[in-house]
């Protein structure tokens, strides 16, 4: 896991598993909870941090690129099909961790912001009584689920909540309201939040890569954003400086 420190927020360390999980056809092929899981990063001549993992039929290369001018860290996961068959449902999960950033921890979610059902709100306002684990919730992008009900997920206990996510940005605001951090996937599928005593993290998860032919590459892009302002300030910064500046495919 990478540790991220921001000069104007001393005493706060943000963690990043990039990626935390790798999927093929909906099945987990690597996860950071597996025995002896680790990531080796190297810094390239451009100042980017790079890690690479090799599988039988593909490789995945993850690159973290600092952009001080835009107060963000761009990251990209690149899948390359090295086998002879078409691969389907390639995907990643990336974890932006706040457990060692005490100013940004929100015990009830009262300072964790998302655009749910078309309005920006804090996650403590979400009805969680029917959730199998109210600390771990998922909000699918608008239009991906017809039934507006809580759905229990198998395996890792969490729930698909009835609210739909209308924006890729997931924001944590500090307790003074003068600092905020966010994560946003370029083409997002869902927002996911862990908020228990150990797991305190934000996820903006990408749409899966539907198909990848042999010898071809495909990318998933996202950004971590840092703002000396509240959630509205970070949203404005995203709209002005991030949304129009995604790297070329």
C-alpha atoms as a PDB file:
ATOM      1  CA  UNK A   1       0.000   0.000   0.000  1.00  0.00           C
ATOM      2  CA  UNK A   2       1.162   3.528  -0.788  1.00  0.00           C
ATOM      3  CA  UNK A   3       1.085   6.219   1.905  1.00  0.00           C
ATOM      4  CA  UNK A   4       0.178   9.765   0.836  1.00  0.00           C
ATOM      5  CA  UNK A   5       0.885  12.877   2.897  1.00  0.00           C
ATOM      6  CA  UNK A   6      -0.254  16.409   2.073  1.00  0.00           C
ATOM      7  CA  UNK A   7       1.977  19.236   3.319  1.00  0.00           C
ATOM      8  CA  UNK A   8      -0.855  21.448   4.604  1.00  0.00           C
ATOM      9  CA  UNK A   9      -2.536  18.604   6.556  1.00  0.00           C
ATOM     10  CA  UNK A  10       0.223  17.350   8.898  1.00  0.00           C
ATOM     11  CA  UNK A  11      -0.635  14.297  10.953  1.00  0.00           C
ATOM     12  CA  UNK A  12      -2.900  12.860   8.254  1.00  0.00           C
ATOM     13  CA  UNK A  13      -1.750   9.927   6.130  1.00  0.00           C
ATOM     14  CA  UNK A  14      -3.913   8.643   3.290  1.00  0.00           C
ATOM     15  CA  UNK A  15      -3.497   5.029   2.198  1.00  0.00           C
ATOM     16  CA  UNK A  16      -3.879   3.696  -1.321  1.00  0.00           C
ATOM     17  CA  UNK A  17      -4.185   0.114  -2.511  1.00  0.00           C
ATOM     18  CA  UNK A  18      -3.843   0.492  -6.295  1.00  0.00           C
ATOM     19  CA  UNK A  19      -5.456  -1.871  -7.127  1.00  0.00           C
ATOM     20  CA  UNK A  20      -6.948  -3.557  -4.091  1.00  0.00           C
ATOM     21  CA  UNK A  21      -8.676  -6.266  -6.116  1.00  0.00           C
ATOM     22  CA  UNK A  22      -8.461  -7.622  -9.679  1.00  0.00           C
ATOM     23  CA  UNK A  23     -11.431  -9.325 -11.341  1.00  0.00           C
ATOM     24  CA  UNK A  24     -11.979 -11.403 -14.481  1.00  0.00           C
ATOM     25  CA  UNK A  25     -15.538 -12.331 -15.498  1.00  0.00           C
ATOM     26  CA  UNK A  26     -16.789 -11.328 -12.060  1.00  0.00           C
ATOM     27  CA  UNK A  27     -14.332 -13.574 -10.206  1.00  0.00           C
ATOM     28  CA  UNK A  28     -11.543 -12.329  -7.957  1.00  0.00           C
ATOM     29  CA  UNK A  29      -8.107 -13.324  -9.272  1.00  0.00           C
ATOM     30  CA  UNK A  30      -6.117 -11.226  -6.782  1.00  0.00           C
ATOM     31  CA  UNK A  31      -6.964  -9.361  -3.586  1.00  0.00           C
ATOM     32  CA  UNK A  32      -5.003  -7.484  -0.947  1.00  0.00           C
ATOM     33  CA  UNK A  33      -6.472  -9.695   1.793  1.00  0.00           C
ATOM     34  CA  UNK A  34      -4.820 -12.789   0.309  1.00  0.00           C
ATOM     35  CA  UNK A  35      -1.946 -14.329   2.226  1.00  0.00           C
ATOM     36  CA  UNK A  36       1.353 -12.472   1.677  1.00  0.00           C
ATOM     37  CA  UNK A  37      -0.331  -9.923  -0.598  1.00  0.00           C
ATOM     38  CA  UNK A  38       1.971  -7.011  -1.378  1.00  0.00           C
ATOM     39  CA  UNK A  39       2.701  -4.460  -4.073  1.00  0.00           C
ATOM     40  CA  UNK A  40       6.116  -3.368  -5.305  1.00  0.00           C
ATOM     41  CA  UNK A  41       6.276   0.174  -6.695  1.00  0.00           C
ATOM     42  CA  UNK A  42       9.048   1.790  -8.681  1.00  0.00           C
ATOM     43  CA  UNK A  43       9.397   5.443  -9.635  1.00  0.00           C
ATOM     44  CA  UNK A  44       9.919   6.020 -13.335  1.00  0.00           C
ATOM     45  CA  UNK A  45      11.884   8.895 -14.953  1.00  0.00           C
ATOM     46  CA  UNK A  46       8.688  10.982 -15.141  1.00  0.00           C
ATOM     47  CA  UNK A  47       8.170  10.804 -11.366  1.00  0.00           C
ATOM     48  CA  UNK A  48       5.261   8.379 -11.582  1.00  0.00           C
ATOM     49  CA  UNK A  49       4.859   5.388  -9.283  1.00  0.00           C
ATOM     50  CA  UNK A  50       4.366   2.117 -11.160  1.00  0.00           C
ATOM     51  CA  UNK A  51       3.452  -1.435 -10.136  1.00  0.00           C
ATOM     52  CA  UNK A  52       2.847  -4.427 -12.412  1.00  0.00           C
ATOM     53  CA  UNK A  53       1.290  -7.828 -11.853  1.00  0.00           C
ATOM     54  CA  UNK A  54       1.517 -10.758 -14.278  1.00  0.00           C
ATOM     55  CA  UNK A  55      -1.226 -13.381 -14.688  1.00  0.00           C
ATOM     56  CA  UNK A  56      -1.479 -16.367 -17.003  1.00  0.00           C
ATOM     57  CA  UNK A  57      -3.418 -14.578 -19.748  1.00  0.00           C
ATOM     58  CA  UNK A  58      -2.898 -10.892 -19.011  1.00  0.00           C
ATOM     59  CA  UNK A  59      -0.864  -8.312 -17.177  1.00  0.00           C
ATOM     60  CA  UNK A  60      -2.082  -5.283 -15.272  1.00  0.00           C
ATOM     61  CA  UNK A  61       0.097  -2.197 -14.891  1.00  0.00           C
ATOM     62  CA  UNK A  62      -0.961   0.523 -12.442  1.00  0.00           C
ATOM     63  CA  UNK A  63       0.514   4.032 -12.629  1.00  0.00           C
ATOM     64  CA  UNK A  64       0.113   6.887 -10.124  1.00  0.00           C
ATOM     65  CA  UNK A  65       1.010  10.295 -11.574  1.00  0.00           C
ATOM     66  CA  UNK A  66       1.272  13.365  -9.288  1.00  0.00           C
ATOM     67  CA  UNK A  67      -0.124  16.609 -10.722  1.00  0.00           C
ATOM     68  CA  UNK A  68       0.623  19.430  -8.243  1.00  0.00           C
ATOM     69  CA  UNK A  69      -0.812  22.072 -10.582  1.00  0.00           C
ATOM     70  CA  UNK A  70      -4.240  20.437 -10.339  1.00  0.00           C
ATOM     71  CA  UNK A  71      -3.859  19.264  -6.720  1.00  0.00           C
ATOM     72  CA  UNK A  72      -4.495  15.686  -7.712  1.00  0.00           C
ATOM     73  CA  UNK A  73      -2.999  12.280  -8.317  1.00  0.00           C
ATOM     74  CA  UNK A  74      -4.050  10.622 -11.553  1.00  0.00           C
ATOM     75  CA  UNK A  75      -4.014   6.843 -11.632  1.00  0.00           C
ATOM     76  CA  UNK A  76      -4.477   4.384 -14.464  1.00  0.00           C
ATOM     77  CA  UNK A  77      -4.855   0.606 -14.577  1.00  0.00           C
ATOM     78  CA  UNK A  78      -3.831  -0.870 -17.927  1.00  0.00           C
ATOM     79  CA  UNK A  79      -4.845  -4.410 -18.845  1.00  0.00           C
ATOM     80  CA  UNK A  80      -2.922  -6.169 -21.626  1.00  0.00           C
ATOM     81  CA  UNK A  81      -4.211  -9.448 -23.029  1.00  0.00           C
ATOM     82  CA  UNK A  82      -1.125 -11.675 -23.394  1.00  0.00           C
ATOM     83  CA  UNK A  83      -3.062 -14.878 -24.100  1.00  0.00           C
ATOM     84  CA  UNK A  84      -4.774 -16.340 -27.161  1.00  0.00           C
ATOM     85  CA  UNK A  85      -8.398 -15.964 -26.100  1.00  0.00           C
ATOM     86  CA  UNK A  86     -10.652 -12.958 -25.708  1.00  0.00           C
ATOM     87  CA  UNK A  87     -10.978 -11.906 -22.067  1.00  0.00           C
ATOM     88  CA  UNK A  88     -14.228 -10.640 -20.602  1.00  0.00           C
ATOM     89  CA  UNK A  89     -15.213  -8.618 -17.567  1.00  0.00           C
ATOM     90  CA  UNK A  90     -11.780  -7.260 -16.591  1.00  0.00           C
ATOM     91  CA  UNK A  91     -12.022  -4.933 -13.628  1.00  0.00           C
ATOM     92  CA  UNK A  92     -10.269  -3.416 -10.624  1.00  0.00           C
ATOM     93  CA  UNK A  93     -11.149  -2.104  -7.199  1.00  0.00           C
ATOM     94  CA  UNK A  94      -8.973   0.654  -5.735  1.00  0.00           C
ATOM     95  CA  UNK A  95      -9.054   1.575  -2.039  1.00  0.00           C
ATOM     96  CA  UNK A  96      -8.504   5.166  -0.823  1.00  0.00           C
ATOM     97  CA  UNK A  97      -8.013   4.723   2.908  1.00  0.00           C
ATOM     98  CA  UNK A  98      -8.622   7.308   5.655  1.00  0.00           C
ATOM     99  CA  UNK A  99      -7.922   5.259   8.786  1.00  0.00           C
ATOM    100  CA  UNK A 100      -4.666   7.163   9.452  1.00  0.00           C
ATOM    101  CA  UNK A 101      -6.118  10.555   8.504  1.00  0.00           C
ATOM    102  CA  UNK A 102      -7.918  11.481  11.743  1.00  0.00           C
ATOM    103  CA  UNK A 103      -9.140  14.889  10.580  1.00  0.00           C
ATOM    104  CA  UNK A 104     -11.077  13.230   7.755  1.00  0.00           C
ATOM    105  CA  UNK A 105     -12.626  10.303   9.624  1.00  0.00           C
ATOM    106  CA  UNK A 106     -16.393  10.648   9.913  1.00  0.00           C
ATOM    107  CA  UNK A 107     -17.829   8.168  12.420  1.00  0.00           C
ATOM    108  CA  UNK A 108     -21.419   8.320  11.155  1.00  0.00           C
ATOM    109  CA  UNK A 109     -20.708   9.508   7.621  1.00  0.00           C
ATOM    110  CA  UNK A 110     -21.824  13.069   8.374  1.00  0.00           C
ATOM    111  CA  UNK A 111     -18.878  14.491   6.397  1.00  0.00           C
ATOM    112  CA  UNK A 112     -18.796  11.928   3.577  1.00  0.00           C
ATOM    113  CA  UNK A 113     -20.486  13.427   0.526  1.00  0.00           C
ATOM    114  CA  UNK A 114     -21.925  11.918  -2.674  1.00  0.00           C
ATOM    115  CA  UNK A 115     -24.522  12.836  -5.278  1.00  0.00           C
ATOM    116  CA  UNK A 116     -27.310  10.361  -4.486  1.00  0.00           C
ATOM    117  CA  UNK A 117     -30.632  10.402  -6.299  1.00  0.00           C
ATOM    118  CA  UNK A 118     -29.594  13.648  -7.937  1.00  0.00           C
ATOM    119  CA  UNK A 119     -28.671  15.698  -4.870  1.00  0.00           C
ATOM    120  CA  UNK A 120     -25.475  16.095  -2.900  1.00  0.00           C
ATOM    121  CA  UNK A 121     -25.895  14.672   0.581  1.00  0.00           C
ATOM    122  CA  UNK A 122     -23.923  13.039   3.375  1.00  0.00           C
ATOM    123  CA  UNK A 123     -24.084   9.287   3.767  1.00  0.00           C
ATOM    124  CA  UNK A 124     -25.405   9.480   7.330  1.00  0.00           C
ATOM    125  CA  UNK A 125     -28.733  10.513   5.768  1.00  0.00           C
ATOM    126  CA  UNK A 126     -29.025   7.184   3.955  1.00  0.00           C
ATOM    127  CA  UNK A 127     -31.563   4.795   5.480  1.00  0.00           C
ATOM    128  CA  UNK A 128     -29.551   1.741   6.524  1.00  0.00           C
ATOM    129  CA  UNK A 129     -31.888  -0.263   8.749  1.00  0.00           C
ATOM    130  CA  UNK A 130     -32.404  -2.969   6.101  1.00  0.00           C
ATOM    131  CA  UNK A 131     -28.729  -3.218   5.222  1.00  0.00           C
ATOM    132  CA  UNK A 132     -27.003  -6.470   6.284  1.00  0.00           C
ATOM    133  CA  UNK A 133     -24.003  -4.379   7.330  1.00  0.00           C
ATOM    134  CA  UNK A 134     -24.686  -0.620   7.558  1.00  0.00           C
ATOM    135  CA  UNK A 135     -20.954   0.136   7.754  1.00  0.00           C
ATOM    136  CA  UNK A 136     -20.338  -1.146   4.198  1.00  0.00           C
ATOM    137  CA  UNK A 137     -22.598   0.230   1.503  1.00  0.00           C
ATOM    138  CA  UNK A 138     -22.642   0.442  -2.289  1.00  0.00           C
ATOM    139  CA  UNK A 139     -24.409   2.989  -4.493  1.00  0.00           C
ATOM    140  CA  UNK A 140     -24.752   1.943  -8.133  1.00  0.00           C
ATOM    141  CA  UNK A 141     -24.623   4.496 -10.909  1.00  0.00           C
ATOM    142  CA  UNK A 142     -27.995   5.785 -12.047  1.00  0.00           C
ATOM    143  CA  UNK A 143     -29.732   3.393 -14.416  1.00  0.00           C
ATOM    144  CA  UNK A 144     -27.813   0.231 -13.529  1.00  0.00           C
ATOM    145  CA  UNK A 145     -30.507  -1.290 -11.314  1.00  0.00           C
ATOM    146  CA  UNK A 146     -34.263  -1.129 -11.825  1.00  0.00           C
ATOM    147  CA  UNK A 147     -35.379  -2.285  -8.381  1.00  0.00           C
ATOM    148  CA  UNK A 148     -34.881   0.374  -5.728  1.00  0.00           C
ATOM    149  CA  UNK A 149     -34.201  -2.034  -2.838  1.00  0.00           C
ATOM    150  CA  UNK A 150     -31.350  -2.989  -0.567  1.00  0.00           C
ATOM    151  CA  UNK A 151     -29.650  -6.075  -1.980  1.00  0.00           C
ATOM    152  CA  UNK A 152     -27.362  -8.229   0.155  1.00  0.00           C
ATOM    153  CA  UNK A 153     -24.119  -9.224  -1.556  1.00  0.00           C
ATOM    154  CA  UNK A 154     -22.576 -12.647  -1.122  1.00  0.00           C
ATOM    155  CA  UNK A 155     -19.147 -13.058   0.438  1.00  0.00           C
ATOM    156  CA  UNK A 156     -17.856  -9.813   1.917  1.00  0.00           C
ATOM    157  CA  UNK A 157     -20.912  -8.510   3.844  1.00  0.00           C
ATOM    158  CA  UNK A 158     -22.183  -5.269   2.370  1.00  0.00           C
ATOM    159  CA  UNK A 159     -25.311  -4.011   0.648  1.00  0.00           C
ATOM    160  CA  UNK A 160     -26.405  -2.358  -2.562  1.00  0.00           C
ATOM    161  CA  UNK A 161     -28.413   0.596  -1.306  1.00  0.00           C
ATOM    162  CA  UNK A 162     -31.571   1.853  -3.041  1.00  0.00           C
ATOM    163  CA  UNK A 163     -30.136   5.313  -3.750  1.00  0.00           C
ATOM    164  CA  UNK A 164     -28.449   5.750  -7.142  1.00  0.00           C
ATOM    165  CA  UNK A 165     -25.125   7.561  -7.555  1.00  0.00           C
ATOM    166  CA  UNK A 166     -25.339  10.422 -10.070  1.00  0.00           C
ATOM    167  CA  UNK A 167     -21.700  11.545 -10.033  1.00  0.00           C
ATOM    168  CA  UNK A 168     -18.350   9.686  -9.906  1.00  0.00           C
ATOM    169  CA  UNK A 169     -16.950  11.849  -7.110  1.00  0.00           C
ATOM    170  CA  UNK A 170     -16.904  10.576  -3.514  1.00  0.00           C
ATOM    171  CA  UNK A 171     -15.734  13.202  -0.985  1.00  0.00           C
ATOM    172  CA  UNK A 172     -14.534  13.209   2.623  1.00  0.00           C
ATOM    173  CA  UNK A 173     -14.524  16.606   4.335  1.00  0.00           C
ATOM    174  CA  UNK A 174     -12.410  17.381   7.397  1.00  0.00           C
ATOM    175  CA  UNK A 175     -14.044  18.286  10.695  1.00  0.00           C
ATOM    176  CA  UNK A 176     -13.247  22.010  10.297  1.00  0.00           C
ATOM    177  CA  UNK A 177     -14.790  22.188   6.838  1.00  0.00           C
ATOM    178  CA  UNK A 178     -11.672  23.760   5.330  1.00  0.00           C
ATOM    179  CA  UNK A 179     -10.187  20.671   3.697  1.00  0.00           C
ATOM    180  CA  UNK A 180     -11.545  17.824   1.601  1.00  0.00           C
ATOM    181  CA  UNK A 181     -10.334  14.840  -0.388  1.00  0.00           C
ATOM    182  CA  UNK A 182     -12.083  12.923  -3.114  1.00  0.00           C
ATOM    183  CA  UNK A 183     -11.822   9.979  -5.477  1.00  0.00           C
ATOM    184  CA  UNK A 184     -13.448   9.775  -8.901  1.00  0.00           C
ATOM    185  CA  UNK A 185     -13.333   7.165 -11.665  1.00  0.00           C
ATOM    186  CA  UNK A 186     -13.539   8.467 -15.214  1.00  0.00           C
ATOM    187  CA  UNK A 187     -16.254   5.968 -16.200  1.00  0.00           C
ATOM    188  CA  UNK A 188     -17.718   4.884 -12.889  1.00  0.00           C
ATOM    189  CA  UNK A 189     -20.037   2.011 -12.068  1.00  0.00           C
ATOM    190  CA  UNK A 190     -20.520   2.451  -8.325  1.00  0.00           C
ATOM    191  CA  UNK A 191     -19.498   4.229  -5.144  1.00  0.00           C
ATOM    192  CA  UNK A 192     -18.514   2.071  -2.184  1.00  0.00           C
ATOM    193  CA  UNK A 193     -17.846   3.136   1.407  1.00  0.00           C
ATOM    194  CA  UNK A 194     -16.402   1.199   4.349  1.00  0.00           C
ATOM    195  CA  UNK A 195     -16.868   2.959   7.660  1.00  0.00           C
ATOM    196  CA  UNK A 196     -16.040   0.646  10.546  1.00  0.00           C
ATOM    197  CA  UNK A 197     -13.310   1.040  13.220  1.00  0.00           C
ATOM    198  CA  UNK A 198     -10.628  -0.516  10.985  1.00  0.00           C
ATOM    199  CA  UNK A 199     -11.830  -0.063   7.407  1.00  0.00           C
ATOM    200  CA  UNK A 200     -12.468   3.597   6.642  1.00  0.00           C
ATOM    201  CA  UNK A 201     -12.222   4.040   2.916  1.00  0.00           C
ATOM    202  CA  UNK A 202     -13.773   5.567  -0.175  1.00  0.00           C
ATOM    203  CA  UNK A 203     -14.157   3.813  -3.533  1.00  0.00           C
ATOM    204  CA  UNK A 204     -15.244   5.151  -6.903  1.00  0.00           C
ATOM    205  CA  UNK A 205     -15.220   1.960  -8.955  1.00  0.00           C
ATOM    206  CA  UNK A 206     -14.952   1.800 -12.759  1.00  0.00           C
ATOM    207  CA  UNK A 207     -17.130   0.069 -15.292  1.00  0.00           C
ATOM    208  CA  UNK A 208     -15.666  -3.332 -16.234  1.00  0.00           C
ATOM    209  CA  UNK A 209     -13.822  -3.732 -19.512  1.00  0.00           C
ATOM    210  CA  UNK A 210     -16.373  -5.804 -21.406  1.00  0.00           C
ATOM    211  CA  UNK A 211     -13.963  -7.556 -23.786  1.00  0.00           C
ATOM    212  CA  UNK A 212     -10.257  -7.461 -24.548  1.00  0.00           C
ATOM    213  CA  UNK A 213      -8.882  -9.178 -27.629  1.00  0.00           C
ATOM    214  CA  UNK A 214      -5.474 -10.925 -27.648  1.00  0.00           C
ATOM    215  CA  UNK A 215      -2.615  -8.450 -27.984  1.00  0.00           C
ATOM    216  CA  UNK A 216      -4.795  -5.460 -27.106  1.00  0.00           C
ATOM    217  CA  UNK A 217      -4.691  -3.037 -24.162  1.00  0.00           C
ATOM    218  CA  UNK A 218      -7.449  -1.210 -22.294  1.00  0.00           C
ATOM    219  CA  UNK A 219      -7.343   1.406 -19.531  1.00  0.00           C
ATOM    220  CA  UNK A 220      -9.280   2.418 -16.443  1.00  0.00           C
ATOM    221  CA  UNK A 221      -8.640   6.004 -15.262  1.00  0.00           C
ATOM    222  CA  UNK A 222      -9.346   7.735 -11.965  1.00  0.00           C
ATOM    223  CA  UNK A 223      -8.108  10.605  -9.808  1.00  0.00           C
ATOM    224  CA  UNK A 224      -7.495  11.443  -6.167  1.00  0.00           C
ATOM    225  CA  UNK A 225      -8.199  15.128  -5.501  1.00  0.00           C
ATOM    226  CA  UNK A 226      -7.122  17.368  -2.615  1.00  0.00           C
ATOM    227  CA  UNK A 227      -8.731  20.719  -1.841  1.00  0.00           C
ATOM    228  CA  UNK A 228      -8.266  23.483   0.738  1.00  0.00           C
ATOM    229  CA  UNK A 229     -12.002  23.887   0.999  1.00  0.00           C
ATOM    230  CA  UNK A 230     -15.218  22.086   1.807  1.00  0.00           C
ATOM    231  CA  UNK A 231     -16.992  19.525  -0.373  1.00  0.00           C
ATOM    232  CA  UNK A 232     -18.457  22.256  -2.584  1.00  0.00           C
ATOM    233  CA  UNK A 233     -14.970  23.637  -3.165  1.00  0.00           C
ATOM    234  CA  UNK A 234     -13.695  20.206  -4.174  1.00  0.00           C
ATOM    235  CA  UNK A 235     -16.656  19.645  -6.502  1.00  0.00           C
ATOM    236  CA  UNK A 236     -15.972  22.977  -8.178  1.00  0.00           C
ATOM    237  CA  UNK A 237     -12.299  22.109  -8.524  1.00  0.00           C
ATOM    238  CA  UNK A 238     -13.248  18.778 -10.124  1.00  0.00           C
ATOM    239  CA  UNK A 239     -15.535  20.491 -12.615  1.00  0.00           C
ATOM    240  CA  UNK A 240     -12.991  23.179 -13.538  1.00  0.00           C
ATOM    241  CA  UNK A 241      -9.684  21.319 -13.474  1.00  0.00           C
ATOM    242  CA  UNK A 242     -10.244  17.562 -13.509  1.00  0.00           C
ATOM    243  CA  UNK A 243     -13.250  16.664 -15.659  1.00  0.00           C
ATOM    244  CA  UNK A 244     -11.751  18.311 -18.760  1.00  0.00           C
ATOM    245  CA  UNK A 245      -8.204  17.060 -18.192  1.00  0.00           C
ATOM    246  CA  UNK A 246      -8.404  13.258 -18.274  1.00  0.00           C
ATOM    247  CA  UNK A 247      -5.351  11.789 -20.030  1.00  0.00           C
ATOM    248  CA  UNK A 248      -5.715  10.645 -23.608  1.00  0.00           C
ATOM    249  CA  UNK A 249      -6.553   6.991 -24.192  1.00  0.00           C
END
